[in-house]
Every structure is written in C-alpha cells, then in structure tokens.
C-alpha atoms as a PDB file:
ATOM      1  CA  MET A   1       0.000   0.000   0.000  1.00  0.00           C
ATOM      2  CA  PRO A   2       1.256   3.480  -0.809  1.00  0.00           C
ATOM      3  CA  TYR A   3       1.977   5.797   2.071  1.00  0.00           C
ATOM      4  CA  ALA A   4       1.858   9.572   2.177  1.00  0.00           C
ATOM      5  CA  ARG A   5       4.404  11.326   4.394  1.00  0.00           C
ATOM      6  CA  HIS A   6       3.741  14.889   5.514  1.00  0.00           C
ATOM      7  CA  THR A   7       6.497  17.443   5.262  1.00  0.00           C
ATOM      8  CA  ASP A   8       5.840  18.708   8.803  1.00  0.00           C
ATOM      9  CA  GLY A   9       7.275  15.580  10.371  1.00  0.00           C
ATOM     10  CA  HIS A  10       4.057  13.758  11.293  1.00  0.00           C
ATOM     11  CA  PRO A  11       3.821   9.958  10.898  1.00  0.00           C
ATOM     12  CA  PRO A  12       2.467   8.536   7.618  1.00  0.00           C
ATOM     13  CA  VAL A  13      -1.289   8.025   7.069  1.00  0.00           C
ATOM     14  CA  ARG A  14      -2.806   5.180   5.211  1.00  0.00           C
ATOM     15  CA  THR A  15      -4.788   7.267   2.795  1.00  0.00           C
ATOM     16  CA  GLY A  16      -5.577   4.394   0.490  1.00  0.00           C
ATOM     17  CA  ARG A  17      -7.204   2.283   3.172  1.00  0.00           C
ATOM     18  CA  ARG A  18      -9.205   5.249   4.523  1.00  0.00           C
ATOM     19  CA  ARG A  19     -10.514   6.049   1.049  1.00  0.00           C
ATOM     20  CA  THR A  20     -11.505   2.443   0.560  1.00  0.00           C
ATOM     21  CA  ARG A  21     -13.420   2.342   3.851  1.00  0.00           C
ATOM     22  CA  ALA A  22     -15.180   5.632   3.051  1.00  0.00           C
ATOM     23  CA  LEU A  23     -16.218   4.373  -0.387  1.00  0.00           C
ATOM     24  CA  ALA A  24     -17.462   1.117   1.120  1.00  0.00           C
ATOM     25  CA  ALA A  25     -19.523   2.950   3.745  1.00  0.00           C
ATOM     26  CA  ALA A  26     -21.030   5.230   1.110  1.00  0.00           C
ATOM     27  CA  GLY A  27     -21.921   2.257  -1.063  1.00  0.00           C
ATOM     28  CA  LEU A  28     -23.538   0.390   1.827  1.00  0.00           C
ATOM     29  CA  LEU A  29     -25.490   3.519   2.760  1.00  0.00           C
ATOM     30  CA  ALA A  30     -26.806   3.879  -0.789  1.00  0.00           C
ATOM     31  CA  VAL A  31     -27.871   0.228  -0.901  1.00  0.00           C
ATOM     32  CA  LEU A  32     -29.521   0.519   2.510  1.00  0.00           C
ATOM     33  CA  LEU A  33     -31.529   3.605   1.518  1.00  0.00           C
ATOM     34  CA  ALA A  34     -32.543   1.972  -1.768  1.00  0.00           C
ATOM     35  CA  THR A  35     -33.877  -1.119  -0.042  1.00  0.00           C
ATOM     36  CA  ALA A  36     -35.650   0.749   2.772  1.00  0.00           C
ATOM     37  CA  ALA A  37     -38.708   1.472   0.590  1.00  0.00           C
ATOM     38  CA  CYS A  38     -39.335  -2.202  -0.175  1.00  0.00           C
ATOM     39  CA  ALA A  39     -38.675  -3.420   3.372  1.00  0.00           C
ATOM     40  CA  SER A  40     -42.370  -3.723   4.220  1.00  0.00           C
ATOM     41  CA  GLY A  41     -43.095  -5.837   1.138  1.00  0.00           C
ATOM     42  CA  GLY A  42     -40.137  -8.041   1.836  1.00  0.00           C
ATOM     43  CA  GLN A  43     -41.269  -8.604   5.398  1.00  0.00           C
ATOM     44  CA  GLY A  44     -44.592  -9.971   4.170  1.00  0.00           C
ATOM     45  CA  LEU A  45     -42.776 -12.400   1.867  1.00  0.00           C
ATOM     46  CA  ASN A  46     -40.456 -13.410   4.671  1.00  0.00           C
ATOM     47  CA  SER A  47     -43.380 -14.121   6.999  1.00  0.00           C
ATOM     48  CA  ALA A  48     -45.046 -16.289   4.346  1.00  0.00           C
ATOM     49  CA  SER A  49     -41.877 -18.276   3.795  1.00  0.00           C
ATOM     50  CA  ASP A  50     -41.385 -18.580   7.548  1.00  0.00           C
ATOM     51  CA  GLU A  51     -44.826 -20.139   7.946  1.00  0.00           C
ATOM     52  CA  LYS A  52     -43.934 -22.739   5.340  1.00  0.00           C
ATOM     53  CA  ALA A  53     -40.594 -23.367   6.982  1.00  0.00           C
ATOM     54  CA  ALA A  54     -42.060 -24.036  10.487  1.00  0.00           C
ATOM     55  CA  PRO A  55     -41.139 -24.772  13.206  1.00  0.00           C
ATOM     56  CA  GLY A  56     -37.739 -23.089  13.095  1.00  0.00           C
ATOM     57  CA  ALA A  57     -38.930 -19.772  11.667  1.00  0.00           C
ATOM     58  CA  ALA A  58     -41.602 -19.389  14.318  1.00  0.00           C
ATOM     59  CA  GLY A  59     -38.985 -18.870  16.999  1.00  0.00           C
ATOM     60  CA  ALA A  60     -38.212 -20.702  20.181  1.00  0.00           C
ATOM     61  CA  GLY A  61     -41.185 -22.392  21.793  1.00  0.00           C
ATOM     62  CA  ALA A  62     -43.309 -22.411  18.620  1.00  0.00           C
ATOM     63  CA  ALA A  63     -42.830 -26.089  17.827  1.00  0.00           C
ATOM     64  CA  ALA A  64     -43.793 -29.090  19.902  1.00  0.00           C
ATOM     65  CA  PRO A  65     -43.104 -32.818  19.494  1.00  0.00           C
ATOM     66  CA  ASP A  66     -45.627 -35.023  17.723  1.00  0.00           C
ATOM     67  CA  GLY A  67     -48.728 -35.559  19.827  1.00  0.00           C
ATOM     68  CA  ALA A  68     -47.568 -33.073  22.537  1.00  0.00           C
ATOM     69  CA  GLU A  69     -49.088 -29.834  23.753  1.00  0.00           C
ATOM     70  CA  THR A  70     -47.519 -26.660  25.071  1.00  0.00           C
ATOM     71  CA  ALA A  71     -47.880 -25.434  28.659  1.00  0.00           C
ATOM     72  CA  ASP A  72     -50.974 -23.403  27.760  1.00  0.00           C
ATOM     73  CA  GLY A  73     -52.654 -26.346  26.002  1.00  0.00           C
ATOM     74  CA  ALA A  74     -52.559 -24.660  22.596  1.00  0.00           C
ATOM     75  CA  ALA A  75     -50.170 -26.849  20.592  1.00  0.00           C
ATOM     76  CA  LYS A  76     -51.727 -29.464  18.330  1.00  0.00           C
ATOM     77  CA  THR A  77     -50.180 -31.926  15.865  1.00  0.00           C
ATOM     78  CA  ARG A  78     -51.031 -31.267  12.259  1.00  0.00           C
ATOM     79  CA  GLU A  79     -48.802 -33.742  10.507  1.00  0.00           C
ATOM     80  CA  PRO A  80     -46.332 -36.339  11.777  1.00  0.00           C
ATOM     81  CA  GLY A  81     -42.920 -34.719  12.036  1.00  0.00           C
ATOM     82  CA  SER A  82     -44.175 -31.133  11.452  1.00  0.00           C
ATOM     83  CA  ALA A  83     -46.051 -30.070  14.554  1.00  0.00           C
ATOM     84  CA  VAL A  84     -46.787 -26.315  14.821  1.00  0.00           C
ATOM     85  CA  ALA A  85     -48.112 -24.499  17.902  1.00  0.00           C
ATOM     86  CA  VAL A  86     -51.641 -23.178  17.513  1.00  0.00           C
ATOM     87  CA  HIS A  87     -52.204 -19.840  19.256  1.00  0.00           C
ATOM     88  CA  VAL A  88     -55.836 -19.205  20.222  1.00  0.00           C
ATOM     89  CA  ILE A  89     -57.493 -16.274  22.011  1.00  0.00           C
ATOM     90  CA  ARG A  90     -60.395 -17.523  24.149  1.00  0.00           C
ATOM     91  CA  THR A  91     -63.109 -15.273  25.590  1.00  0.00           C
ATOM     92  CA  ALA A  92     -66.368 -16.136  27.358  1.00  0.00           C
ATOM     93  CA  THR A  93     -69.299 -14.443  29.111  1.00  0.00           C
ATOM     94  CA  LEU A  94     -71.384 -16.013  31.878  1.00  0.00           C
ATOM     95  CA  SER A  95     -74.568 -14.620  33.429  1.00  0.00           C
ATOM     96  CA  ILE A  96     -75.505 -16.397  36.680  1.00  0.00           C
ATOM     97  CA  GLU A  97     -78.274 -15.887  39.242  1.00  0.00           C
ATOM     98  CA  VAL A  98     -77.119 -16.574  42.799  1.00  0.00           C
ATOM     99  CA  LYS A  99     -78.536 -16.322  46.316  1.00  0.00           C
ATOM    100  CA  SER A 100     -75.796 -14.039  47.650  1.00  0.00           C
ATOM    101  CA  VAL A 101     -73.626 -11.907  45.375  1.00  0.00           C
ATOM    102  CA  PRO A 102     -70.843 -11.280  47.949  1.00  0.00           C
ATOM    103  CA  ARG A 103     -70.426 -15.016  48.528  1.00  0.00           C
ATOM    104  CA  ALA A 104     -70.467 -15.734  44.788  1.00  0.00           C
ATOM    105  CA  VAL A 105     -67.830 -13.040  44.184  1.00  0.00           C
ATOM    106  CA  SER A 106     -65.603 -14.558  46.859  1.00  0.00           C
ATOM    107  CA  ALA A 107     -66.058 -18.016  45.370  1.00  0.00           C
ATOM    108  CA  ALA A 108     -65.273 -16.794  41.837  1.00  0.00           C
ATOM    109  CA  ARG A 109     -62.121 -15.062  43.077  1.00  0.00           C
ATOM    110  CA  GLY A 110     -61.038 -18.276  44.774  1.00  0.00           C
ATOM    111  CA  VAL A 111     -61.656 -20.333  41.625  1.00  0.00           C
ATOM    112  CA  ALA A 112     -59.625 -17.953  39.452  1.00  0.00           C
ATOM    113  CA  GLU A 113     -56.706 -17.702  41.857  1.00  0.00           C
ATOM    114  CA  GLY A 114     -56.760 -21.458  42.499  1.00  0.00           C
ATOM    115  CA  ALA A 115     -56.387 -22.072  38.762  1.00  0.00           C
ATOM    116  CA  GLY A 116     -53.362 -19.762  38.605  1.00  0.00           C
ATOM    117  CA  GLY A 117     -55.261 -16.760  37.267  1.00  0.00           C
ATOM    118  CA  LEU A 118     -56.423 -13.431  38.632  1.00  0.00           C
ATOM    119  CA  VAL A 119     -59.358 -11.019  38.883  1.00  0.00           C
ATOM    120  CA  ALA A 120     -58.641  -8.260  36.364  1.00  0.00           C
ATOM    121  CA  GLU A 121     -61.762  -6.187  37.097  1.00  0.00           C
ATOM    122  CA  GLU A 122     -64.522  -6.130  39.728  1.00  0.00           C
ATOM    123  CA  ASN A 123     -67.556  -3.866  40.027  1.00  0.00           C
ATOM    124  CA  THR A 124     -70.306  -4.521  42.601  1.00  0.00           C
ATOM    125  CA  GLU A 125     -73.319  -2.267  43.154  1.00  0.00           C
ATOM    126  CA  ARG A 126     -76.649  -2.353  45.002  1.00  0.00           C
ATOM    127  CA  VAL A 127     -79.798  -2.003  42.900  1.00  0.00           C
ATOM    128  CA  ASP A 128     -83.008  -0.469  44.366  1.00  0.00           C
ATOM    129  CA  ASP A 129     -81.696  -1.151  47.899  1.00  0.00           C
ATOM    130  CA  THR A 130     -82.975  -4.716  47.548  1.00  0.00           C
ATOM    131  CA  HIS A 131     -80.333  -6.829  45.802  1.00  0.00           C
ATOM    132  CA  ASP A 132     -76.723  -6.680  44.598  1.00  0.00           C
ATOM    133  CA  MET A 133     -75.198  -7.079  41.138  1.00  0.00           C
ATOM    134  CA  SER A 134     -71.545  -7.709  40.313  1.00  0.00           C
ATOM    135  CA  HIS A 135     -69.415  -7.559  37.159  1.00  0.00           C
ATOM    136  CA  LEU A 136     -66.153  -9.543  37.164  1.00  0.00           C
ATOM    137  CA  VAL A 137     -63.431 -10.041  34.553  1.00  0.00           C
ATOM    138  CA  LEU A 138     -61.318 -13.135  35.227  1.00  0.00           C
ATOM    139  CA  ARG A 139     -58.029 -14.105  33.530  1.00  0.00           C
ATOM    140  CA  VAL A 140     -57.254 -17.840  33.767  1.00  0.00           C
ATOM    141  CA  PRO A 141     -54.670 -20.080  32.026  1.00  0.00           C
ATOM    142  CA  GLN A 142     -55.768 -21.697  28.794  1.00  0.00           C
ATOM    143  CA  ALA A 143     -55.168 -25.185  30.215  1.00  0.00           C
ATOM    144  CA  ARG A 144     -57.694 -24.570  33.033  1.00  0.00           C
ATOM    145  CA  TYR A 145     -60.242 -22.691  30.927  1.00  0.00           C
ATOM    146  CA  GLU A 146     -62.875 -25.442  30.612  1.00  0.00           C
ATOM    147  CA  GLU A 147     -62.486 -26.471  34.252  1.00  0.00           C
ATOM    148  CA  VAL A 148     -63.016 -22.910  35.476  1.00  0.00           C
ATOM    149  CA  MET A 149     -66.045 -22.477  33.198  1.00  0.00           C
ATOM    150  CA  ARG A 150     -67.713 -25.606  34.591  1.00  0.00           C
ATOM    151  CA  THR A 151     -67.011 -24.561  38.182  1.00  0.00           C
ATOM    152  CA  LEU A 152     -68.406 -21.055  37.698  1.00  0.00           C
ATOM    153  CA  ALA A 153     -71.520 -22.321  35.916  1.00  0.00           C
ATOM    154  CA  GLY A 154     -72.294 -24.545  38.926  1.00  0.00           C
ATOM    155  CA  THR A 155     -72.312 -21.720  41.481  1.00  0.00           C
ATOM    156  CA  GLY A 156     -75.927 -20.749  40.709  1.00  0.00           C
ATOM    157  CA  LYS A 157     -78.617 -20.669  38.055  1.00  0.00           C
ATOM    158  CA  LEU A 158     -77.008 -20.224  34.636  1.00  0.00           C
ATOM    159  CA  LEU A 159     -78.933 -17.598  32.651  1.00  0.00           C
ATOM    160  CA  SER A 160     -76.694 -17.273  29.597  1.00  0.00           C
ATOM    161  CA  ARG A 161     -73.299 -18.407  28.308  1.00  0.00           C
ATOM    162  CA  THR A 162     -71.309 -17.268  25.291  1.00  0.00           C
ATOM    163  CA  SER A 163     -67.782 -18.275  24.278  1.00  0.00           C
ATOM    164  CA  ASN A 164     -65.432 -17.410  21.429  1.00  0.00           C
ATOM    165  CA  ALA A 165     -62.134 -18.840  20.192  1.00  0.00           C
ATOM    166  CA  LYS A 166     -59.996 -16.959  17.652  1.00  0.00           C
ATOM    167  CA  ASP A 167     -56.985 -18.573  15.975  1.00  0.00           C
ATOM    168  CA  VAL A 168     -54.135 -16.024  15.714  1.00  0.00           C
ATOM    169  CA  THR A 169     -51.310 -18.405  14.811  1.00  0.00           C
ATOM    170  CA  GLY A 170     -50.608 -16.628  11.530  1.00  0.00           C
ATOM    171  CA  GLN A 171     -50.494 -13.247  13.245  1.00  0.00           C
ATOM    172  CA  VAL A 172     -48.095 -14.527  15.912  1.00  0.00           C
ATOM    173  CA  VAL A 173     -45.743 -16.025  13.303  1.00  0.00           C
ATOM    174  CA  ASP A 174     -45.862 -12.865  11.195  1.00  0.00           C
ATOM    175  CA  VAL A 175     -45.004 -10.627  14.180  1.00  0.00           C
ATOM    176  CA  GLU A 176     -42.112 -12.880  15.202  1.00  0.00           C
ATOM    177  CA  SER A 177     -40.726 -12.845  11.665  1.00  0.00           C
ATOM    178  CA  ARG A 178     -40.997  -9.066  11.405  1.00  0.00           C
ATOM    179  CA  ILE A 179     -39.246  -8.693  14.762  1.00  0.00           C
ATOM    180  CA  ALA A 180     -36.316 -10.817  13.547  1.00  0.00           C
ATOM    181  CA  THR A 181     -36.089  -8.782  10.331  1.00  0.00           C
ATOM    182  CA  GLN A 182     -36.285  -5.494  12.177  1.00  0.00           C
ATOM    183  CA  ARG A 183     -33.582  -6.510  14.643  1.00  0.00           C
ATOM    184  CA  ALA A 184     -31.267  -7.433  11.784  1.00  0.00           C
ATOM    185  CA  SER A 185     -32.025  -4.076  10.136  1.00  0.00           C
ATOM    186  CA  VAL A 186     -31.173  -2.202  13.332  1.00  0.00           C
ATOM    187  CA  ALA A 187     -27.911  -4.126  13.653  1.00  0.00           C
ATOM    188  CA  ARG A 188     -26.942  -3.234  10.041  1.00  0.00           C
ATOM    189  CA  VAL A 189     -27.605   0.464  10.645  1.00  0.00           C
ATOM    190  CA  ARG A 190     -25.451   0.379  13.767  1.00  0.00           C
ATOM    191  CA  ASP A 191     -22.603  -1.244  11.820  1.00  0.00           C
ATOM    192  CA  LEU A 192     -22.851   1.493   9.200  1.00  0.00           C
ATOM    193  CA  MET A 193     -22.716   4.146  11.917  1.00  0.00           C
ATOM    194  CA  ASP A 194     -19.476   2.648  13.192  1.00  0.00           C
ATOM    195  CA  GLN A 195     -17.980   2.928   9.688  1.00  0.00           C
ATOM    196  CA  ALA A 196     -19.391   6.356   8.775  1.00  0.00           C
ATOM    197  CA  VAL A 197     -16.880   9.235   8.431  1.00  0.00           C
ATOM    198  CA  LYS A 198     -18.889  12.168   7.101  1.00  0.00           C
ATOM    199  CA  LEU A 199     -21.201  14.093   9.399  1.00  0.00           C
ATOM    200  CA  THR A 200     -24.065  13.976   6.901  1.00  0.00           C
ATOM    201  CA  ASP A 201     -23.865  10.177   6.777  1.00  0.00           C
ATOM    202  CA  VAL A 202     -23.933   9.991  10.571  1.00  0.00           C
ATOM    203  CA  VAL A 203     -27.009  12.236  10.777  1.00  0.00           C
ATOM    204  CA  THR A 204     -28.826  10.217   8.114  1.00  0.00           C
ATOM    205  CA  LEU A 205     -28.004   6.934   9.798  1.00  0.00           C
ATOM    206  CA  GLU A 206     -29.133   8.220  13.180  1.00  0.00           C
ATOM    207  CA  GLY A 207     -32.549   9.085  11.708  1.00  0.00           C
ATOM    208  CA  GLU A 208     -32.802   5.630  10.161  1.00  0.00           C
ATOM    209  CA  LEU A 209     -31.798   3.982  13.431  1.00  0.00           C
ATOM    210  CA  SER A 210     -34.374   5.957  15.425  1.00  0.00           C
ATOM    211  CA  SER A 211     -37.258   5.074  13.089  1.00  0.00           C
ATOM    212  CA  ARG A 212     -36.304   1.390  12.952  1.00  0.00           C
ATOM    213  CA  GLN A 213     -35.966   1.123  16.702  1.00  0.00           C
ATOM    214  CA  ALA A 214     -39.436   2.667  17.085  1.00  0.00           C
ATOM    215  CA  ALA A 215     -40.865   0.114  14.656  1.00  0.00           C
ATOM    216  CA  LEU A 216     -39.116  -2.673  16.569  1.00  0.00           C
ATOM    217  CA  GLU A 217     -40.578  -1.505  19.894  1.00  0.00           C
ATOM    218  CA  SER A 218     -44.066  -1.414  18.360  1.00  0.00           C
ATOM    219  CA  LEU A 219     -43.664  -4.990  17.129  1.00  0.00           C
ATOM    220  CA  LEU A 220     -42.429  -6.103  20.553  1.00  0.00           C
ATOM    221  CA  ALA A 221     -45.531  -4.541  22.152  1.00  0.00           C
ATOM    222  CA  GLN A 222     -47.758  -6.437  19.709  1.00  0.00           C
ATOM    223  CA  GLN A 223     -45.933  -9.654  20.525  1.00  0.00           C
ATOM    224  CA  ALA A 224     -46.399  -9.101  24.276  1.00  0.00           C
ATOM    225  CA  SER A 225     -50.119  -8.411  23.815  1.00  0.00           C
ATOM    226  CA  LEU A 226     -50.608 -11.535  21.723  1.00  0.00           C
ATOM    227  CA  LYS A 227     -48.697 -13.621  24.231  1.00  0.00           C
ATOM    228  CA  ASP A 228     -50.843 -12.338  27.106  1.00  0.00           C
ATOM    229  CA  ARG A 229     -54.134 -12.976  25.308  1.00  0.00           C
ATOM    230  CA  THR A 230     -53.148 -16.435  24.079  1.00  0.00           C
ATOM    231  CA  THR A 231     -51.727 -17.512  27.429  1.00  0.00           C
ATOM    232  CA  LEU A 232     -54.641 -16.336  29.614  1.00  0.00           C
ATOM    233  CA  ALA A 233     -58.295 -16.714  28.648  1.00  0.00           C
ATOM    234  CA  THR A 234     -60.726 -13.907  29.517  1.00  0.00           C
ATOM    235  CA  ILE A 235     -64.000 -14.749  31.295  1.00  0.00           C
ATOM    236  CA  THR A 236     -66.576 -12.028  31.959  1.00  0.00           C
ATOM    237  CA  LEU A 237     -68.881 -12.983  34.835  1.00  0.00           C
ATOM    238  CA  GLU A 238     -72.210 -11.258  35.549  1.00  0.00           C
ATOM    239  CA  LEU A 239     -73.723 -12.085  38.950  1.00  0.00           C
ATOM    240  CA  GLY A 240     -77.205 -11.119  40.162  1.00  0.00           C
ATOM    241  CA  GLU A 241     -79.337 -12.032  43.182  1.00  0.00           C
ATOM    242  CA  ARG A 242     -82.722 -13.690  43.066  1.00  0.00           C
ATOM    243  CA  GLU A 243     -85.779 -11.524  43.723  1.00  0.00           C
ATOM    244  CA  GLU A 244     -87.657 -13.119  46.633  1.00  0.00           C
ATOM    245  CA  ASN A 245     -91.466 -13.026  47.081  1.00  0.00           C
ATOM    246  CA  THR A 246     -92.287 -11.696  43.604  1.00  0.00           C
ATOM    247  CA  GLY A 247     -95.483 -12.500  41.713  1.00  0.00           C
ATOM    248  CA  ASP A 248     -97.028 -14.814  44.362  1.00  0.00           C
ATOM    249  CA  PRO A 249     -99.081 -13.048  47.088  1.00  0.00           C
ATOM    250  CA  GLY A 250     -99.480 -16.315  48.985  1.00  0.00           C
ATOM    251  CA  GLU A 251     -95.755 -16.329  49.779  1.00  0.00           C
ATOM    252  CA  GLU A 252     -95.961 -12.944  51.510  1.00  0.00           C
ATOM    253  CA  ARG A 253     -96.283 -13.166  55.290  1.00  0.00           C
ATOM    254  CA  THR A 254     -98.079 -10.387  57.207  1.00  0.00           C
ATOM    255  CA  GLY A 255     -98.086 -10.421  61.041  1.00  0.00           C
ATOM    256  CA  PHE A 256     -99.166  -8.169  63.890  1.00  0.00           C
ATOM    257  CA  LEU A 257     -95.824  -6.405  64.081  1.00  0.00           C
ATOM    258  CA  ASP A 258     -95.835  -5.805  60.327  1.00  0.00           C
ATOM    259  CA  ALA A 259     -99.352  -4.333  60.541  1.00  0.00           C
ATOM    260  CA  LEU A 260     -98.387  -2.237  63.554  1.00  0.00           C
ATOM    261  CA  GLY A 261     -95.330  -0.915  61.749  1.00  0.00           C
ATOM    262  CA  GLY A 262     -97.402  -0.100  58.690  1.00  0.00           C
ATOM    263  CA  GLY A 263    -100.033   1.717  60.774  1.00  0.00           C
ATOM    264  CA  TRP A 264     -97.389   3.743  62.580  1.00  0.00           C
ATOM    265  CA  ASP A 265     -95.817   4.738  59.291  1.00  0.00           C
ATOM    266  CA  ALA A 266     -99.228   5.838  57.985  1.00  0.00           C
ATOM    267  CA  PHE A 267     -99.884   7.821  61.184  1.00  0.00           C
ATOM    268  CA  VAL A 268     -96.532   9.590  60.998  1.00  0.00           C
ATOM    269  CA  THR A 269     -97.103  10.326  57.335  1.00  0.00           C
ATOM    270  CA  MET A 270    -100.555  11.811  58.097  1.00  0.00           C
ATOM    271  CA  LEU A 271     -99.111  14.038  60.843  1.00  0.00           C
ATOM    272  CA  ARG A 272     -96.394  15.153  58.522  1.00  0.00           C
ATOM    273  CA  TRP A 273     -98.907  16.170  55.864  1.00  0.00           C
ATOM    274  CA  ILE A 274    -101.052  17.982  58.461  1.00  0.00           C
ATOM    275  CA  MET A 275     -98.041  19.989  59.601  1.00  0.00           C
ATOM    276  CA  VAL A 276     -97.232  20.785  55.997  1.00  0.00           C
ATOM    277  CA  ALA A 277    -100.795  21.992  55.407  1.00  0.00           C
ATOM    278  CA  ILE A 278    -100.716  24.135  58.571  1.00  0.00           C
ATOM    279  CA  GLY A 279     -97.412  25.646  57.568  1.00  0.00           C
ATOM    280  CA  ALA A 280     -98.714  26.416  54.095  1.00  0.00           C
ATOM    281  CA  THR A 281    -101.940  28.111  55.354  1.00  0.00           C
ATOM    282  CA  ALA A 282    -100.415  29.914  58.380  1.00  0.00           C
ATOM    283  CA  PRO A 283     -99.741  33.213  56.512  1.00  0.00           C
ATOM    284  CA  PHE A 284    -103.308  33.309  55.209  1.00  0.00           C
ATOM    285  CA  LEU A 285    -104.774  32.533  58.651  1.00  0.00           C
ATOM    286  CA  ALA A 286    -102.699  35.309  60.254  1.00  0.00           C
ATOM    287  CA  ALA A 287    -103.876  37.823  57.647  1.00  0.00           C
ATOM    288  CA  ALA A 288    -107.521  36.731  58.139  1.00  0.00           C
ATOM    289  CA  ALA A 289    -107.225  37.142  61.949  1.00  0.00           C
ATOM    290  CA  VAL A 290    -105.871  40.694  61.586  1.00  0.00           C
ATOM    291  CA  LEU A 291    -108.683  41.612  59.210  1.00  0.00           C
ATOM    292  CA  ALA A 292    -111.283  40.146  61.586  1.00  0.00           C
ATOM    293  CA  LEU A 293    -109.864  42.167  64.520  1.00  0.00           C
ATOM    294  CA  LEU A 294    -109.935  45.392  62.523  1.00  0.00           C
ATOM    295  CA  TRP A 295    -113.480  44.702  61.461  1.00  0.00           C
ATOM    296  CA  ARG A 296    -114.613  44.224  65.044  1.00  0.00           C
ATOM    297  CA  LEU A 297    -112.972  47.504  66.120  1.00  0.00           C
ATOM    298  CA  LEU A 298    -114.579  49.445  63.298  1.00  0.00           C
ATOM    299  CA  ARG A 299    -117.916  47.827  63.945  1.00  0.00           C
ATOM    300  CA  GLY A 300    -117.800  48.837  67.650  1.00  0.00           C
ATOM    301  CA  ARG A 301    -117.137  52.476  66.812  1.00  0.00           C
ATOM    302  CA  LEU A 302    -119.891  52.510  64.247  1.00  0.00           C
ATOM    303  CA  ARG A 303    -122.362  51.143  66.778  1.00  0.00           C
ATOM    304  CA  GLY A 304    -121.444  53.952  69.243  1.00  0.00           C
ATOM    305  CA  ARG A 305    -122.383  56.596  66.705  1.00  0.00           C
ATOM    306  CA  LEU A 306    -125.526  55.024  65.269  1.00  0.00           C
ATOM    307  CA  PRO A 307    -127.979  55.629  68.327  1.00  0.00           C
ATOM    308  CA  GLY A 308    -127.613  59.496  68.233  1.00  0.00           C
ATOM    309  CA  ARG A 309    -128.289  59.576  64.554  1.00  0.00           C
ATOM    310  CA  ARG A 310    -131.294  57.331  64.929  1.00  0.00           C
ATOM    311  CA  THR A 311    -132.761  59.623  67.729  1.00  0.00           C
ATOM    312  CA  GLY A 312    -132.399  62.790  65.634  1.00  0.00           C
ATOM    313  CA  THR A 313    -134.025  61.129  62.704  1.00  0.00           C
ATOM    314  CA  SER A 314    -136.996  59.920  64.760  1.00  0.00           C
ATOM    315  CA  ARG A 315    -137.581  63.440  66.200  1.00  0.00           C
ATOM    316  CA  GLN A 316    -137.603  64.989  62.729  1.00  0.00           C
ATOM    317  CA  ALA A 317    -140.108  62.423  61.621  1.00  0.00           C
ATOM    318  CA  ALA A 318    -142.394  63.143  64.666  1.00  0.00           C
ATOM    319  CA  GLU A 319    -142.358  66.908  64.096  1.00  0.00           C
ATOM    320  CA  GLY A 320    -143.325  66.402  60.526  1.00  0.00           C
ATOM    321  CA  SER A 321    -146.271  64.225  61.499  1.00  0.00           C
ATOM    322  CA  GLY A 322    -147.379  66.437  64.450  1.00  0.00           C
ATOM    323  CA  THR A 323    -146.643  63.907  67.100  1.00  0.00           C
ATOM    324  CA  THR A 324    -144.294  64.142  70.018  1.00  0.00           C
ATOM    325  CA  PRO A 325    -141.815  61.333  70.332  1.00  0.00           C
ATOM    326  CA  ALA A 326    -141.802  59.531  73.647  1.00  0.00           C
ATOM    327  CA  SER A 327    -138.976  60.364  75.931  1.00  0.00           C
END
C-alpha cells in the first residue's frame, strides 16, 4: 500500500485504506436507503416463507413434538414430524343468578386464583336497595379454561353463556418474523454508523436507526399483547341475586308487628302532611285574623255613633207628622 508522508514531520497516514473504507460505507449507505422502501413488502414475503418453513422460523417455543401440547394447552399436531403451535385467544361471558352476590364473588375469586389466574376487574353495586349485582373479569390459564367455566356455571342458576375462540397463529408467526427482520435491520444500521466518516452520513443513519428502533418496539408490544391474550383466557362474569317473594301473594307473610309498623308509618305520614298543610296556610290565617280584629274595632265604633243619629231622625219624623216622640 502506498503511504503519504507529511512534510511537517508527522507519521504517515494510510490514505488508500481510509478512502476504501469511506467508499465502502457510502456504497452500503446507498444500498440501505434503496432497499428501505421495499422493506415492508419483503417482510410480508419473509413471513409467508417462515410459515412454510415451520417450526424453526416461528422462533423458540413455537414447535412441539408429535402428539404433545404446550404449557398453555394450545399446541396441536397437524402432521407427523411437522407439529406447529396453535395460538388461540379464548373469551367467554357467563350470566348467573345466585342467592348471595358477595359469597359468589368470593367463590369466583377463589376459583380464578386457584387455577393460577387473577381477577382483572370487579364492580359490585346495590340495585333499588334490595339486591346486589356484580361484574367480574377473570383471567385464567388456557389449560384450566374449561375447568373454570364448569365450576363457575355450577355456582348458581345459569342464565346465559357465550364463548369465542380466535386462531391467531398466523399473526403470531408474522409478528415474530418481522421482529427478527427489524432486529437485523437495526444491527446493520449500527454497523454502518461505526464505519461512517462524514457528518451527513452519521445524521442520516441516526434518523434511520431511530425510526427502525421505534418500529421494533411497536412490534415487541404487539408480541407481548398476543402472548398475554393467548396464554390467559378472559372470562366475563355477571352475577345477580334472586328476587324473593315476587309475583305470588301467597308467599308474603303479614303479622301483627308488620301491621303495627305499617299503621305507625301511615300515622306519621298523616301528621307530617297535616303539619305541611298548617305551615302552608299559616300566613293566610294570620292575615284573616288581623282583618277580623280590625273589622270588630270598626264595627264597635260605628255602633257607638248610630244611636244618636237614629234619635235625631226619629224626632224629625215626629215633628213632621205632628206627634211628640216619647222620651
């Protein structure tokens, strides 16, 4: 390799090798930017080929031996020698009528925790001050799903039951394949950053690295969500109490104390309404009393003046008729 020696006494620099590395980095950067636009299309093709290539492309834990099942009970054998894990999301809704909602809630919590699950949501409320209602969301392992469903259905009178199973095996395999591709892409960008010399190349590569890391984190979040939903089944439980003594008057029992309590309530209610009526008419009664008092005072004064007037009138009438009024 040729060397270039500076006249100022500094050691020689391998200019040829540096130029070669710069040209190589620029070429790799150009290829990387050219292939970035078709990365999404290539990922779809890679996921399709990975499904055909099972079980290795599905990642660790995707394959199971012939006739075996995974820990969550999802793996099934399709063909001898090519078993692929089946990922299923199970959801169910149960509506049960029970005698006591608090006891049923405690029992449901015990069933879920005993199966290795948990209570994800709980909402209990009292309706019309007569009975309780509760809404529970239980998360239980897939392997104990049917057992938990049977146990919960036997805690009371089953009113309704709905269940759903969704196969997401293709989605799980596709996400795993895209994660592997994205990780390789991030590693390539980091290698290019180590080889970059120009500031513009470094800035461009940093932007590419940031966007690809964000896409990788989004894929990892999708993978975690799928794993959670395929590992734990979701059971929504609606609990309600029975309404006692409804529709049959013969079942109602009325005793002396009940009648006495009802009569007392009616008496108190009547007194309350009487007091309300008195309070409402009190202003009018007060005004009427004042008017009556004034009328009596005026009437008394008028009576004191009326006899003198009547005497003068009678005398005038007697003089006119020629008679003398009696004294």
